[in-house]
């Protein structure tokens, strides 16, 4: 899949992983739409790079469709990358006081981290299906899971469940969309150091770095973005979940 001349939408494009992906795709010649709720950062990227910013809620059909329409105005939509985040609840299934884990918080986490990903996937796939194929290919959709899908830690059940759902959707979506020439790949990052952590980043690096087999540091956003670009350009990557974690496996705590 060629990036030059195509449009791409990056949901969560104003965040750490998303911003790095926006910069990478833009540098490769794609016409990029930053779809996010972070107005200040989104408009800053719009001014700096000449990309488009559209305020976007990943869980809203109308909101995602507006971002897609903006992308389609720039060129054929052939790339969708979803890195969005949001509120996530946590806690043990039964707390120390004997109370069960909050159901409302679980539902909110699933809505943001699983339903939102599905919403972006289904709507961008429908838009890509309308494009003219290039050697049988119409587009590629990249979702973001987490290694918590495989080794969720104590107190992380809602988030792990949501990310596990993203993992499970990947192969099924790839099979569903194969007749349309649309590929689906998911990246499952380990611990990544992003600007959102601010000064706490040094503490996180000191904690996680020694636990990662190699390299002994947290991941960097440009490493995620580089993998996205490779996925887009490698037409034989499909239906796969790629761990990007330095061989880290989460311990129970």
C-alpha atoms as a PDB file:
ATOM      1  CA  UNK A   1       0.000   0.000   0.000  1.00  0.00           C
ATOM      2  CA  UNK A   2       1.520   3.298  -1.108  1.00  0.00           C
ATOM      3  CA  UNK A   3       1.205   6.214   1.302  1.00  0.00           C
ATOM      4  CA  UNK A   4       1.967   8.972  -1.165  1.00  0.00           C
ATOM      5  CA  UNK A   5      -1.234  10.472  -2.526  1.00  0.00           C
ATOM      6  CA  UNK A   6      -3.471   8.603  -0.086  1.00  0.00           C
ATOM      7  CA  UNK A   7      -5.248  10.049   2.911  1.00  0.00           C
ATOM      8  CA  UNK A   8      -4.840   8.601   6.388  1.00  0.00           C
ATOM      9  CA  UNK A   9      -6.764   9.085   9.601  1.00  0.00           C
ATOM     10  CA  UNK A  10      -5.026   8.761  12.973  1.00  0.00           C
ATOM     11  CA  UNK A  11      -7.529   8.524  15.823  1.00  0.00           C
ATOM     12  CA  UNK A  12      -5.820   9.715  18.977  1.00  0.00           C
ATOM     13  CA  UNK A  13      -3.361  11.497  16.704  1.00  0.00           C
ATOM     14  CA  UNK A  14      -2.571  14.253  19.200  1.00  0.00           C
ATOM     15  CA  UNK A  15      -1.250  11.809  21.827  1.00  0.00           C
ATOM     16  CA  UNK A  16       2.220  10.314  22.134  1.00  0.00           C
ATOM     17  CA  UNK A  17       1.889   7.240  19.908  1.00  0.00           C
ATOM     18  CA  UNK A  18      -0.573   9.034  17.668  1.00  0.00           C
ATOM     19  CA  UNK A  19       1.523  12.167  17.183  1.00  0.00           C
ATOM     20  CA  UNK A  20       4.577  10.119  16.232  1.00  0.00           C
ATOM     21  CA  UNK A  21       2.416   8.208  13.741  1.00  0.00           C
ATOM     22  CA  UNK A  22       1.023  11.425  12.268  1.00  0.00           C
ATOM     23  CA  UNK A  23       4.548  12.726  11.755  1.00  0.00           C
ATOM     24  CA  UNK A  24       5.706   9.454  10.203  1.00  0.00           C
ATOM     25  CA  UNK A  25       2.785   9.118   7.780  1.00  0.00           C
ATOM     26  CA  UNK A  26       2.939  12.791   6.853  1.00  0.00           C
ATOM     27  CA  UNK A  27       6.664  12.468   6.166  1.00  0.00           C
ATOM     28  CA  UNK A  28       5.954   9.499   3.890  1.00  0.00           C
ATOM     29  CA  UNK A  29       3.611  11.569   1.755  1.00  0.00           C
ATOM     30  CA  UNK A  30       0.176  10.745   3.184  1.00  0.00           C
ATOM     31  CA  UNK A  31      -2.452  13.432   3.667  1.00  0.00           C
ATOM     32  CA  UNK A  32      -3.206  13.012   7.345  1.00  0.00           C
ATOM     33  CA  UNK A  33      -6.218  13.813   9.492  1.00  0.00           C
ATOM     34  CA  UNK A  34      -5.586  14.067  13.226  1.00  0.00           C
ATOM     35  CA  UNK A  35      -8.766  12.819  14.910  1.00  0.00           C
ATOM     36  CA  UNK A  36      -8.692  13.566  18.628  1.00  0.00           C
ATOM     37  CA  UNK A  37     -10.318  15.437  21.490  1.00  0.00           C
ATOM     38  CA  UNK A  38      -7.150  17.380  22.390  1.00  0.00           C
ATOM     39  CA  UNK A  39      -7.899  20.634  20.598  1.00  0.00           C
ATOM     40  CA  UNK A  40      -4.754  22.557  21.529  1.00  0.00           C
ATOM     41  CA  UNK A  41      -2.322  19.844  20.462  1.00  0.00           C
ATOM     42  CA  UNK A  42      -4.362  18.934  17.391  1.00  0.00           C
ATOM     43  CA  UNK A  43      -4.405  22.532  16.152  1.00  0.00           C
ATOM     44  CA  UNK A  44      -0.706  22.842  16.934  1.00  0.00           C
ATOM     45  CA  UNK A  45       0.049  19.865  14.670  1.00  0.00           C
ATOM     46  CA  UNK A  46      -2.267  21.321  12.024  1.00  0.00           C
ATOM     47  CA  UNK A  47      -0.296  24.586  12.012  1.00  0.00           C
ATOM     48  CA  UNK A  48       3.135  22.952  12.140  1.00  0.00           C
ATOM     49  CA  UNK A  49       2.686  20.167   9.585  1.00  0.00           C
ATOM     50  CA  UNK A  50      -0.203  21.301   7.424  1.00  0.00           C
ATOM     51  CA  UNK A  51      -2.260  18.251   8.409  1.00  0.00           C
ATOM     52  CA  UNK A  52      -5.964  18.550   9.262  1.00  0.00           C
ATOM     53  CA  UNK A  53      -7.354  18.368  12.778  1.00  0.00           C
ATOM     54  CA  UNK A  54     -10.928  17.192  13.408  1.00  0.00           C
ATOM     55  CA  UNK A  55     -12.284  16.993  16.943  1.00  0.00           C
ATOM     56  CA  UNK A  56     -13.285  13.335  17.220  1.00  0.00           C
ATOM     57  CA  UNK A  57     -14.853  11.058  19.810  1.00  0.00           C
ATOM     58  CA  UNK A  58     -13.968   7.475  18.858  1.00  0.00           C
ATOM     59  CA  UNK A  59     -17.179   6.155  20.418  1.00  0.00           C
ATOM     60  CA  UNK A  60     -19.442   8.405  18.312  1.00  0.00           C
ATOM     61  CA  UNK A  61     -20.528   7.351  14.818  1.00  0.00           C
ATOM     62  CA  UNK A  62     -21.190  10.916  13.668  1.00  0.00           C
ATOM     63  CA  UNK A  63     -17.895  12.154  15.071  1.00  0.00           C
ATOM     64  CA  UNK A  64     -15.775   9.467  13.390  1.00  0.00           C
ATOM     65  CA  UNK A  65     -17.674   9.894  10.120  1.00  0.00           C
ATOM     66  CA  UNK A  66     -16.868  13.616  10.165  1.00  0.00           C
ATOM     67  CA  UNK A  67     -13.159  12.834  10.432  1.00  0.00           C
ATOM     68  CA  UNK A  68     -13.474  10.291   7.622  1.00  0.00           C
ATOM     69  CA  UNK A  69     -15.221  12.849   5.412  1.00  0.00           C
ATOM     70  CA  UNK A  70     -12.362  15.275   6.008  1.00  0.00           C
ATOM     71  CA  UNK A  71      -9.837  12.615   5.040  1.00  0.00           C
ATOM     72  CA  UNK A  72     -11.785  11.746   1.894  1.00  0.00           C
ATOM     73  CA  UNK A  73     -11.723  15.404   0.882  1.00  0.00           C
ATOM     74  CA  UNK A  74      -7.930  15.178   0.772  1.00  0.00           C
ATOM     75  CA  UNK A  75      -7.625  11.938  -1.194  1.00  0.00           C
ATOM     76  CA  UNK A  76      -8.685   8.289  -1.167  1.00  0.00           C
ATOM     77  CA  UNK A  77      -8.770   6.969   2.412  1.00  0.00           C
ATOM     78  CA  UNK A  78      -6.475   3.965   2.513  1.00  0.00           C
ATOM     79  CA  UNK A  79      -4.960   4.059   6.020  1.00  0.00           C
ATOM     80  CA  UNK A  80      -6.600   4.123   9.458  1.00  0.00           C
ATOM     81  CA  UNK A  81      -4.591   4.022  12.675  1.00  0.00           C
ATOM     82  CA  UNK A  82      -6.309   4.026  16.066  1.00  0.00           C
ATOM     83  CA  UNK A  83      -4.270   4.997  19.121  1.00  0.00           C
ATOM     84  CA  UNK A  84      -6.969   6.714  21.172  1.00  0.00           C
ATOM     85  CA  UNK A  85      -7.078   6.504  24.945  1.00  0.00           C
ATOM     86  CA  UNK A  86      -9.414   7.698  27.671  1.00  0.00           C
ATOM     87  CA  UNK A  87     -10.629   6.886  31.158  1.00  0.00           C
ATOM     88  CA  UNK A  88      -9.998   3.373  32.468  1.00  0.00           C
ATOM     89  CA  UNK A  89     -11.237   1.921  35.723  1.00  0.00           C
ATOM     90  CA  UNK A  90      -9.342  -0.576  37.840  1.00  0.00           C
ATOM     91  CA  UNK A  91      -9.297  -2.530  41.045  1.00  0.00           C
ATOM     92  CA  UNK A  92      -9.542  -6.117  42.198  1.00  0.00           C
ATOM     93  CA  UNK A  93     -12.674  -8.090  41.330  1.00  0.00           C
ATOM     94  CA  UNK A  94     -13.417  -8.123  45.067  1.00  0.00           C
ATOM     95  CA  UNK A  95     -11.824  -5.357  47.095  1.00  0.00           C
ATOM     96  CA  UNK A  96     -10.268  -5.614  50.539  1.00  0.00           C
ATOM     97  CA  UNK A  97     -13.517  -4.323  51.984  1.00  0.00           C
ATOM     98  CA  UNK A  98     -15.439  -7.153  50.297  1.00  0.00           C
ATOM     99  CA  UNK A  99     -17.119  -4.948  47.688  1.00  0.00           C
ATOM    100  CA  UNK A 100     -17.294  -6.111  44.055  1.00  0.00           C
ATOM    101  CA  UNK A 101     -15.552  -4.208  41.281  1.00  0.00           C
ATOM    102  CA  UNK A 102     -17.643  -1.298  40.020  1.00  0.00           C
ATOM    103  CA  UNK A 103     -19.800  -2.291  37.027  1.00  0.00           C
ATOM    104  CA  UNK A 104     -20.198   1.250  35.685  1.00  0.00           C
ATOM    105  CA  UNK A 105     -16.435   1.701  35.540  1.00  0.00           C
ATOM    106  CA  UNK A 106     -16.039  -1.609  33.723  1.00  0.00           C
ATOM    107  CA  UNK A 107     -18.641  -0.582  31.144  1.00  0.00           C
ATOM    108  CA  UNK A 108     -16.950   2.788  30.590  1.00  0.00           C
ATOM    109  CA  UNK A 109     -13.558   1.147  30.042  1.00  0.00           C
ATOM    110  CA  UNK A 110     -15.025  -1.341  27.568  1.00  0.00           C
ATOM    111  CA  UNK A 111     -16.839   1.469  25.768  1.00  0.00           C
ATOM    112  CA  UNK A 112     -13.686   3.551  25.326  1.00  0.00           C
ATOM    113  CA  UNK A 113     -11.071   0.861  24.712  1.00  0.00           C
ATOM    114  CA  UNK A 114     -13.075  -1.793  22.835  1.00  0.00           C
ATOM    115  CA  UNK A 115     -16.307  -0.340  21.467  1.00  0.00           C
ATOM    116  CA  UNK A 116     -14.453   2.771  20.325  1.00  0.00           C
ATOM    117  CA  UNK A 117     -11.887   0.673  18.449  1.00  0.00           C
ATOM    118  CA  UNK A 118     -14.663  -1.332  16.802  1.00  0.00           C
ATOM    119  CA  UNK A 119     -16.474   1.854  15.843  1.00  0.00           C
ATOM    120  CA  UNK A 120     -13.381   3.256  14.132  1.00  0.00           C
ATOM    121  CA  UNK A 121     -12.650  -0.071  12.447  1.00  0.00           C
ATOM    122  CA  UNK A 122     -16.135  -0.569  10.995  1.00  0.00           C
ATOM    123  CA  UNK A 123     -16.541   2.999   9.746  1.00  0.00           C
ATOM    124  CA  UNK A 124     -13.107   3.346   8.178  1.00  0.00           C
ATOM    125  CA  UNK A 125     -13.489  -0.090   6.574  1.00  0.00           C
ATOM    126  CA  UNK A 126     -16.789   0.992   4.997  1.00  0.00           C
ATOM    127  CA  UNK A 127     -15.100   4.108   3.633  1.00  0.00           C
ATOM    128  CA  UNK A 128     -12.137   2.144   2.266  1.00  0.00           C
ATOM    129  CA  UNK A 129     -14.482  -0.340   0.591  1.00  0.00           C
ATOM    130  CA  UNK A 130     -15.595   2.467  -1.751  1.00  0.00           C
ATOM    131  CA  UNK A 131     -12.070   3.159  -3.008  1.00  0.00           C
ATOM    132  CA  UNK A 132     -10.694   1.869  -6.275  1.00  0.00           C
ATOM    133  CA  UNK A 133      -8.376  -1.084  -5.603  1.00  0.00           C
ATOM    134  CA  UNK A 134      -4.668  -0.878  -6.349  1.00  0.00           C
ATOM    135  CA  UNK A 135      -3.482  -4.351  -7.311  1.00  0.00           C
ATOM    136  CA  UNK A 136      -6.424  -5.729  -5.339  1.00  0.00           C
ATOM    137  CA  UNK A 137      -5.724  -3.645  -2.219  1.00  0.00           C
ATOM    138  CA  UNK A 138      -8.001  -0.907  -0.899  1.00  0.00           C
ATOM    139  CA  UNK A 139      -6.595  -0.119   2.519  1.00  0.00           C
ATOM    140  CA  UNK A 140      -5.157  -1.128   5.869  1.00  0.00           C
ATOM    141  CA  UNK A 141      -6.492  -0.638   9.402  1.00  0.00           C
ATOM    142  CA  UNK A 142      -4.112  -0.627  12.371  1.00  0.00           C
ATOM    143  CA  UNK A 143      -5.569  -0.918  15.879  1.00  0.00           C
ATOM    144  CA  UNK A 144      -3.763  -0.658  19.197  1.00  0.00           C
ATOM    145  CA  UNK A 145      -4.093  -3.264  21.937  1.00  0.00           C
ATOM    146  CA  UNK A 146      -1.637  -3.836  24.800  1.00  0.00           C
ATOM    147  CA  UNK A 147       0.381  -6.680  26.224  1.00  0.00           C
ATOM    148  CA  UNK A 148      -2.118  -6.407  29.094  1.00  0.00           C
ATOM    149  CA  UNK A 149      -4.400  -8.376  26.762  1.00  0.00           C
ATOM    150  CA  UNK A 150      -2.141 -11.365  27.473  1.00  0.00           C
ATOM    151  CA  UNK A 151      -0.763 -10.662  30.956  1.00  0.00           C
ATOM    152  CA  UNK A 152      -3.106  -8.239  32.620  1.00  0.00           C
ATOM    153  CA  UNK A 153      -1.884  -7.269  36.056  1.00  0.00           C
ATOM    154  CA  UNK A 154      -3.743  -7.372  39.347  1.00  0.00           C
ATOM    155  CA  UNK A 155      -6.353  -4.621  39.376  1.00  0.00           C
ATOM    156  CA  UNK A 156      -6.293  -4.271  35.576  1.00  0.00           C
ATOM    157  CA  UNK A 157      -9.248  -6.495  34.648  1.00  0.00           C
ATOM    158  CA  UNK A 158     -11.430  -3.951  32.758  1.00  0.00           C
ATOM    159  CA  UNK A 159      -8.525  -2.667  30.670  1.00  0.00           C
ATOM    160  CA  UNK A 160      -7.176  -6.163  30.008  1.00  0.00           C
ATOM    161  CA  UNK A 161     -10.645  -7.329  28.960  1.00  0.00           C
ATOM    162  CA  UNK A 162     -11.006  -4.434  26.522  1.00  0.00           C
ATOM    163  CA  UNK A 163      -7.571  -4.930  25.000  1.00  0.00           C
ATOM    164  CA  UNK A 164      -8.174  -8.684  24.823  1.00  0.00           C
ATOM    165  CA  UNK A 165     -11.263  -7.907  22.786  1.00  0.00           C
ATOM    166  CA  UNK A 166      -9.199  -5.820  20.356  1.00  0.00           C
ATOM    167  CA  UNK A 167      -6.798  -8.746  19.951  1.00  0.00           C
ATOM    168  CA  UNK A 168      -9.671 -11.147  19.314  1.00  0.00           C
ATOM    169  CA  UNK A 169     -11.274  -8.877  16.721  1.00  0.00           C
ATOM    170  CA  UNK A 170      -8.156  -8.683  14.582  1.00  0.00           C
ATOM    171  CA  UNK A 171      -8.202 -12.004  12.740  1.00  0.00           C
ATOM    172  CA  UNK A 172     -11.982 -12.046  12.383  1.00  0.00           C
ATOM    173  CA  UNK A 173     -12.002  -8.528  10.917  1.00  0.00           C
ATOM    174  CA  UNK A 174      -9.158  -9.437   8.551  1.00  0.00           C
ATOM    175  CA  UNK A 175     -11.155 -12.433   7.329  1.00  0.00           C
ATOM    176  CA  UNK A 176     -14.357 -10.396   7.020  1.00  0.00           C
ATOM    177  CA  UNK A 177     -12.634  -7.671   5.013  1.00  0.00           C
ATOM    178  CA  UNK A 178     -10.381  -9.835   2.851  1.00  0.00           C
ATOM    179  CA  UNK A 179     -12.838  -9.910  -0.115  1.00  0.00           C
ATOM    180  CA  UNK A 180     -12.649  -6.094  -0.125  1.00  0.00           C
ATOM    181  CA  UNK A 181      -8.860  -5.983  -0.149  1.00  0.00           C
ATOM    182  CA  UNK A 182      -8.630  -4.399   3.313  1.00  0.00           C
ATOM    183  CA  UNK A 183      -6.008  -5.619   5.772  1.00  0.00           C
ATOM    184  CA  UNK A 184      -6.308  -5.478   9.565  1.00  0.00           C
ATOM    185  CA  UNK A 185      -3.327  -5.567  11.912  1.00  0.00           C
ATOM    186  CA  UNK A 186      -3.047  -4.787  15.624  1.00  0.00           C
ATOM    187  CA  UNK A 187      -0.019  -3.584  17.573  1.00  0.00           C
ATOM    188  CA  UNK A 188       0.206  -4.626  21.235  1.00  0.00           C
ATOM    189  CA  UNK A 189       2.691  -2.242  22.893  1.00  0.00           C
ATOM    190  CA  UNK A 190       4.425  -2.895  26.158  1.00  0.00           C
ATOM    191  CA  UNK A 191       5.459   0.047  28.345  1.00  0.00           C
ATOM    192  CA  UNK A 192       5.957   3.187  26.249  1.00  0.00           C
ATOM    193  CA  UNK A 193       7.329   6.495  27.475  1.00  0.00           C
ATOM    194  CA  UNK A 194       5.200   9.318  26.094  1.00  0.00           C
ATOM    195  CA  UNK A 195       5.123  13.062  26.845  1.00  0.00           C
ATOM    196  CA  UNK A 196       1.853  12.579  28.737  1.00  0.00           C
ATOM    197  CA  UNK A 197       3.806  11.231  31.711  1.00  0.00           C
ATOM    198  CA  UNK A 198       5.732  14.494  32.110  1.00  0.00           C
ATOM    199  CA  UNK A 199       8.176  14.465  35.010  1.00  0.00           C
ATOM    200  CA  UNK A 200       6.837  11.097  36.162  1.00  0.00           C
ATOM    201  CA  UNK A 201       8.460   9.596  33.067  1.00  0.00           C
ATOM    202  CA  UNK A 202      11.845   9.375  34.803  1.00  0.00           C
ATOM    203  CA  UNK A 203      10.327   7.368  37.647  1.00  0.00           C
ATOM    204  CA  UNK A 204       8.551   5.045  35.245  1.00  0.00           C
ATOM    205  CA  UNK A 205      11.729   4.531  33.251  1.00  0.00           C
ATOM    206  CA  UNK A 206      13.635   3.677  36.426  1.00  0.00           C
ATOM    207  CA  UNK A 207      10.933   1.171  37.424  1.00  0.00           C
ATOM    208  CA  UNK A 208      10.254  -0.527  34.099  1.00  0.00           C
ATOM    209  CA  UNK A 209      13.628  -0.286  32.397  1.00  0.00           C
ATOM    210  CA  UNK A 210      15.384  -2.987  34.463  1.00  0.00           C
ATOM    211  CA  UNK A 211      12.433  -5.387  33.944  1.00  0.00           C
ATOM    212  CA  UNK A 212      12.625  -5.304  30.148  1.00  0.00           C
ATOM    213  CA  UNK A 213      14.954  -7.989  28.733  1.00  0.00           C
ATOM    214  CA  UNK A 214      16.361  -5.873  25.879  1.00  0.00           C
ATOM    215  CA  UNK A 215      16.656  -3.001  25.369  1.00  0.00           C
ATOM    216  CA  UNK A 216      16.452  -2.128  29.048  1.00  0.00           C
ATOM    217  CA  UNK A 217      14.258   0.902  28.635  1.00  0.00           C
ATOM    218  CA  UNK A 218      10.679   1.816  27.887  1.00  0.00           C
ATOM    219  CA  UNK A 219       9.526   2.036  24.297  1.00  0.00           C
ATOM    220  CA  UNK A 220       9.640   5.265  22.326  1.00  0.00           C
ATOM    221  CA  UNK A 221       6.725   6.594  20.284  1.00  0.00           C
ATOM    222  CA  UNK A 222       8.736   6.774  17.027  1.00  0.00           C
ATOM    223  CA  UNK A 223       9.307   3.008  17.325  1.00  0.00           C
ATOM    224  CA  UNK A 224       5.547   2.469  17.304  1.00  0.00           C
ATOM    225  CA  UNK A 225       5.194   4.822  14.337  1.00  0.00           C
ATOM    226  CA  UNK A 226       7.941   3.025  12.408  1.00  0.00           C
ATOM    227  CA  UNK A 227       6.068  -0.255  12.826  1.00  0.00           C
ATOM    228  CA  UNK A 228       2.852   1.374  11.579  1.00  0.00           C
ATOM    229  CA  UNK A 229       4.618   2.533   8.425  1.00  0.00           C
ATOM    230  CA  UNK A 230       6.028  -0.941   7.833  1.00  0.00           C
ATOM    231  CA  UNK A 231       2.607  -2.540   8.320  1.00  0.00           C
ATOM    232  CA  UNK A 232       1.099  -0.154   5.787  1.00  0.00           C
ATOM    233  CA  UNK A 233       3.795  -0.846   3.203  1.00  0.00           C
ATOM    234  CA  UNK A 234       4.050  -4.624   3.720  1.00  0.00           C
ATOM    235  CA  UNK A 235       1.021  -6.101   1.970  1.00  0.00           C
ATOM    236  CA  UNK A 236       1.601  -9.580   3.414  1.00  0.00           C
ATOM    237  CA  UNK A 237       1.020  -8.500   7.004  1.00  0.00           C
ATOM    238  CA  UNK A 238      -2.620  -9.235   7.753  1.00  0.00           C
ATOM    239  CA  UNK A 239      -4.737 -10.637  10.587  1.00  0.00           C
ATOM    240  CA  UNK A 240      -1.806 -10.440  12.985  1.00  0.00           C
ATOM    241  CA  UNK A 241      -1.211  -8.962  16.441  1.00  0.00           C
ATOM    242  CA  UNK A 242       2.369  -7.755  16.816  1.00  0.00           C
ATOM    243  CA  UNK A 243       3.824  -7.353  20.290  1.00  0.00           C
ATOM    244  CA  UNK A 244       6.137  -4.361  20.580  1.00  0.00           C
ATOM    245  CA  UNK A 245       7.571  -4.777  24.048  1.00  0.00           C
ATOM    246  CA  UNK A 246      11.305  -5.603  24.174  1.00  0.00           C
ATOM    247  CA  UNK A 247      10.311  -9.161  25.247  1.00  0.00           C
ATOM    248  CA  UNK A 248       8.626  -7.842  28.405  1.00  0.00           C
ATOM    249  CA  UNK A 249       6.022 -10.031  30.082  1.00  0.00           C
ATOM    250  CA  UNK A 250       3.964  -8.273  32.733  1.00  0.00           C
ATOM    251  CA  UNK A 251       4.351  -9.698  36.249  1.00  0.00           C
ATOM    252  CA  UNK A 252       1.225 -10.062  38.430  1.00  0.00           C
ATOM    253  CA  UNK A 253       1.877  -6.648  40.038  1.00  0.00           C
END
